[in-house]
Protein backbone atom coordinates (compact mmCIF):
# COMPACT_ATOMS: atom_id res chain seq x y z
CA MET A 1 -11.72 -12.94 -1.26
CA ARG A 2 -7.92 -12.46 -0.55
CA SER A 3 -6.51 -10.25 2.28
CA GLU A 4 -2.97 -9.85 1.23
CA LYS A 5 -1.16 -6.50 0.90
CA ILE A 6 0.83 -5.85 -2.15
CA LEU A 7 2.83 -2.54 -3.07
CA VAL A 8 2.99 -1.40 -6.63
CA VAL A 9 6.07 1.07 -7.39
CA ASP A 10 5.80 3.03 -10.49
CA ASP A 11 5.98 6.68 -11.36
CA ASP A 12 3.20 6.57 -14.08
CA PRO A 13 -0.29 6.92 -12.54
CA ALA A 14 -1.80 5.44 -15.49
CA ILE A 15 0.00 2.15 -14.73
CA ARG A 16 -1.01 2.13 -11.21
CA ARG A 17 -4.35 2.68 -12.09
CA LEU A 18 -4.39 -0.08 -14.53
CA ILE A 19 -2.77 -2.66 -12.16
CA TRP A 20 -5.17 -1.55 -9.29
CA LYS A 21 -8.18 -2.70 -11.91
CA SER A 22 -6.84 -5.68 -12.69
CA LEU A 23 -6.37 -6.73 -9.12
CA GLN A 24 -8.96 -4.97 -6.94
CA ALA A 25 -11.79 -7.46 -7.35
CA THR A 26 -9.56 -10.08 -5.61
CA GLY A 27 -9.60 -8.14 -2.39
CA ILE A 28 -5.89 -7.59 -2.37
CA LEU A 29 -5.27 -4.55 -0.74
CA ILE A 30 -3.09 -2.42 -3.02
CA TYR A 31 -0.70 0.12 -1.69
CA GLN A 32 1.01 2.54 -4.42
CA SER A 33 4.23 4.44 -4.61
CA ASP A 34 6.12 6.61 -7.14
CA SER A 35 9.61 6.81 -5.93
CA ILE A 36 12.24 4.89 -3.53
CA GLU A 37 11.78 7.61 -0.76
CA LYS A 38 8.06 6.86 -0.38
CA THR A 39 8.29 3.32 -0.77
CA ILE A 40 11.03 3.06 2.03
CA ASP A 41 8.49 5.25 4.33
CA ILE A 42 5.69 2.74 3.40
CA MET A 43 7.79 -0.21 4.15
CA SER A 44 8.84 0.86 7.62
CA ARG A 45 5.09 0.77 8.66
CA VAL A 46 3.40 -1.84 6.64
CA THR A 47 4.58 -5.35 5.76
CA PHE A 48 3.59 -6.65 2.22
CA ASP A 49 3.14 -10.01 0.76
CA LEU A 50 4.55 -8.91 -2.66
CA PHE A 51 5.99 -6.11 -4.61
CA LEU A 52 5.43 -4.99 -8.06
CA LEU A 53 8.35 -2.85 -9.30
CA ASP A 54 9.00 -0.69 -12.18
CA ILE A 55 12.87 -0.38 -12.73
CA SER A 56 13.04 3.48 -13.88
CA LEU A 57 11.76 5.78 -11.41
CA GLU A 58 13.57 9.08 -10.60
CA TYR A 59 16.70 7.44 -11.78
CA GLU A 60 17.01 4.76 -14.36
CA ASN A 61 17.99 1.88 -12.13
CA ASP A 62 15.87 2.64 -8.84
CA GLY A 63 13.88 -0.45 -9.22
CA TYR A 64 17.09 -2.77 -9.09
CA HIS A 65 18.07 -0.77 -5.65
CA LEU A 66 14.74 -1.51 -4.41
CA ALA A 67 14.67 -5.09 -5.12
CA GLN A 68 18.00 -5.40 -3.49
CA MET A 69 16.84 -3.65 -0.38
CA ILE A 70 13.67 -5.95 -0.19
CA ARG A 71 15.54 -9.05 -0.57
CA ASN A 72 18.14 -7.93 2.17
CA GLU A 73 14.89 -7.77 4.46
CA ASN A 74 13.09 -10.84 3.30
CA SER A 75 14.26 -13.57 1.05
CA VAL A 76 10.62 -15.16 0.47
CA VAL A 77 8.49 -12.33 -0.44
CA PRO A 78 7.54 -12.13 -4.29
CA ILE A 79 9.17 -9.31 -6.26
CA ILE A 80 7.69 -8.81 -9.90
CA PHE A 81 9.33 -6.53 -12.14
CA LEU A 82 6.86 -4.57 -14.40
CA SER A 83 9.13 -2.58 -16.87
CA GLY A 84 9.26 -1.23 -20.29
CA LYS A 85 12.88 -2.35 -20.66
CA THR A 86 12.85 -5.20 -22.66
CA LYS A 87 16.44 -5.97 -23.56
CA GLU A 88 17.87 -9.58 -22.49
CA GLN A 89 20.44 -7.88 -20.14
CA ASP A 90 17.78 -5.63 -18.42
CA ILE A 91 15.75 -8.95 -17.79
CA VAL A 92 18.77 -10.74 -16.65
CA THR A 93 19.79 -7.99 -14.37
CA GLY A 94 16.23 -7.69 -12.87
CA LEU A 95 16.40 -11.67 -12.07
CA GLU A 96 19.88 -11.56 -10.40
CA THR A 97 18.86 -8.75 -8.08
CA GLY A 98 16.27 -10.70 -6.73
CA ALA A 99 13.14 -10.41 -8.75
CA ASP A 100 11.03 -13.74 -9.14
CA LEU A 101 9.31 -12.70 -12.45
CA TYR A 102 10.11 -9.99 -15.08
CA LEU A 103 7.05 -8.87 -16.99
CA THR A 104 7.47 -6.41 -19.94
CA LYS A 105 5.00 -3.36 -21.04
CA PRO A 106 2.64 -3.11 -22.50
CA PHE A 107 1.28 -6.19 -20.55
CA SER A 108 -1.95 -8.15 -20.27
CA PRO A 109 -3.95 -7.34 -17.30
CA ALA A 110 -5.30 -10.90 -17.08
CA ILE A 111 -1.91 -12.32 -17.14
CA LEU A 112 -0.52 -10.14 -14.54
CA LYS A 113 -3.53 -10.92 -12.37
CA ALA A 114 -2.73 -14.71 -12.91
CA GLN A 115 1.11 -14.08 -12.19
CA VAL A 116 0.48 -12.17 -8.89
CA LEU A 117 -2.10 -14.68 -7.52
CA ALA A 118 0.23 -17.49 -8.47
CA SER A 119 3.09 -15.89 -6.82
CA LEU A 120 1.36 -15.01 -3.64
CA ASP A 121 0.05 -18.80 -3.58
CA ARG A 122 3.55 -20.05 -3.90
CA SER A 123 4.84 -17.74 -1.27
CA LEU A 124 2.29 -19.01 1.01
CA VAL A 125 3.29 -22.43 0.42
CA ILE A 126 6.97 -21.90 1.04
CA LYS A 127 6.19 -20.33 4.16
CA LYS A 128 4.17 -23.22 5.53
CA HIS A 129 6.98 -25.67 4.63
CA THR A 130 9.89 -23.71 6.08
CA GLY A 131 7.87 -22.65 9.27
CA GLN A 132 9.09 -19.17 8.24
CA GLN A 133 7.14 -16.42 10.14
CA VAL A 134 7.29 -12.84 9.13
CA LYS A 135 7.40 -10.65 12.14
CA THR A 136 4.87 -7.84 12.06
CA SER A 137 3.73 -5.45 14.81
CA SER A 138 0.02 -5.29 15.70
CA ILE A 139 0.48 -2.03 17.19
CA LEU A 140 0.58 1.44 15.10
CA LYS A 141 1.81 4.59 16.83
CA LEU A 142 1.73 8.19 15.69
CA GLY A 143 1.74 11.08 18.12
CA GLU A 144 -1.35 10.95 20.49
CA PHE A 145 -2.72 7.91 18.50
CA THR A 146 -2.26 4.09 18.78
CA TYR A 147 -4.17 1.63 16.91
CA ASP A 148 -4.23 -2.13 17.81
CA LYS A 149 -4.62 -4.01 14.61
CA ASN A 150 -5.75 -7.29 16.22
CA ARG A 151 -8.29 -5.72 18.42
CA TYR A 152 -9.53 -2.88 15.78
CA GLN A 153 -9.09 -0.49 18.52
CA LEU A 154 -7.90 2.95 18.26
CA TYR A 155 -6.62 4.82 21.29
CA LYS A 156 -5.94 8.71 21.64
CA ASN A 157 -3.97 9.63 24.65
CA ASP A 158 -4.47 5.91 25.79
CA VAL A 159 -8.21 6.58 25.89
CA ALA A 160 -10.30 4.32 23.64
CA VAL A 161 -12.07 5.86 20.80
CA LYS A 162 -15.24 4.20 19.40
CA LEU A 163 -15.26 3.84 15.76
CA SER A 164 -17.50 2.15 13.28
CA SER A 165 -15.81 -0.70 11.13
CA LYS A 166 -15.49 1.57 8.21
CA GLU A 167 -14.12 4.71 10.21
CA ILE A 168 -11.50 2.02 11.76
CA GLN A 169 -10.26 1.08 8.12
CA LEU A 170 -10.33 4.82 7.27
CA MET A 171 -8.20 5.44 10.30
CA GLN A 172 -5.87 2.44 9.76
CA PHE A 173 -5.27 3.88 6.05
CA PHE A 174 -4.25 7.13 7.16
CA MET A 175 -1.93 5.94 9.97
CA GLU A 176 -0.20 3.56 7.75
CA ASN A 177 0.40 6.53 5.30
CA PRO A 178 0.81 9.68 7.44
CA ASN A 179 1.92 12.88 5.91
CA GLN A 180 0.74 11.78 2.47
CA VAL A 181 -1.91 13.56 0.54
CA PHE A 182 -4.42 11.35 -1.01
CA SER A 183 -7.15 12.39 -3.47
CA LYS A 184 -10.76 11.21 -2.73
CA GLU A 185 -10.45 8.63 -5.45
CA GLN A 186 -7.35 7.10 -4.00
CA ILE A 187 -9.00 6.99 -0.52
CA TYR A 188 -12.08 5.27 -1.95
CA GLN A 189 -10.22 2.75 -3.99
CA SER A 190 -7.96 1.77 -1.14
CA VAL A 191 -10.44 1.59 1.55
CA TRP A 192 -13.81 1.02 -0.04
CA ASN A 193 -11.86 -1.41 -2.79
CA GLU A 194 -14.22 0.20 -5.41
CA GLU A 195 -13.31 1.93 -8.67
CA LYS A 196 -16.12 4.11 -8.77
CA THR A 197 -15.46 6.95 -6.46
CA ASP A 198 -18.27 8.47 -4.30
CA PRO A 199 -16.88 11.74 -2.91
CA ASN A 200 -19.87 12.62 -0.66
CA THR A 201 -19.36 9.20 1.13
CA ILE A 202 -15.78 9.98 1.94
CA MET A 203 -16.91 13.53 2.91
CA VAL A 204 -19.44 12.09 5.37
CA PHE A 205 -16.67 9.52 6.78
CA ILE A 206 -14.07 12.05 7.15
CA ASN A 207 -16.39 14.38 9.16
CA HIS A 208 -17.47 11.40 11.40
CA LEU A 209 -13.80 10.75 11.92
CA ARG A 210 -12.86 14.06 12.72
CA ASN A 211 -15.77 14.64 15.02
CA LYS A 212 -14.35 11.62 17.21
CA ILE A 213 -10.46 12.20 16.85
CA GLU A 214 -10.44 16.12 16.73
CA ALA A 215 -10.62 18.59 19.76
CA ASP A 216 -12.04 21.08 17.26
CA PRO A 217 -13.48 19.29 14.14
CA LYS A 218 -13.89 22.38 12.18
CA ASN A 219 -10.28 23.31 12.57
CA ALA A 220 -8.75 19.75 12.08
CA LYS A 221 -5.54 19.30 13.62
CA TYR A 222 -4.72 15.80 12.25
CA LEU A 223 -7.06 15.08 9.60
CA GLN A 224 -6.44 18.04 7.21
CA THR A 225 -8.28 18.80 3.93
CA VAL A 226 -5.85 19.71 1.03
CA TRP A 227 -7.91 21.97 -0.86
CA GLY A 228 -8.37 20.95 -4.49
CA ILE A 229 -6.54 17.41 -3.96
CA GLY A 230 -7.93 15.70 -1.00
CA TYR A 231 -6.80 14.86 2.54
CA THR A 232 -3.64 14.00 4.88
CA PHE A 233 -3.14 12.73 8.14
CA VAL A 234 -0.63 14.91 9.92
CA THR A 235 1.58 13.89 12.76
CA GLU A 236 3.50 16.13 15.18
């Protein structure tokens, strides 16, 4: 099983879901965004091994701008455009702005999976040969909370909080995506890495986590319920 992180940026939830279904069995952790604003926010907290970008987001050429931003920060990380734009000039522009591959919609999930895995493998070889090291922080800090990724340890006001392995995964997911609302399905797919959602399991783990991080679990200050949608981790 692989352990890389990739970011899928597309404003069509059906496309994001299809990509997730294509790749989830590999073990790759798949993050999702539907806008430049969200993408920049996620990138400020998470280092990715590959980007899958649509071109037309809020504006027609948003994907090109994102690719340029990513390239300015990292010259090696693979970028794949997955777009409905099929004209030759669109493809040329996509490659000129820094993409390694340009796939058109509709696409074959099997081919997409093969291209993603091949791109990740090539990137790993390049990093080894060039000695390039991507600087990543092992510490996440949000308000009263600090999470040490290397030690899998959460602290609240510098006091260690004892969590189970799944609670740790859940807390890391929320701390890497603060102030965003996630449905139970999105949480289950991202943390449990399974397509079929089990809402009861999510509710149990949310309650367990609240009991350990909240002063008043029945009136959650941080891990809040968004009625009719799901949950969000609110930072001060």
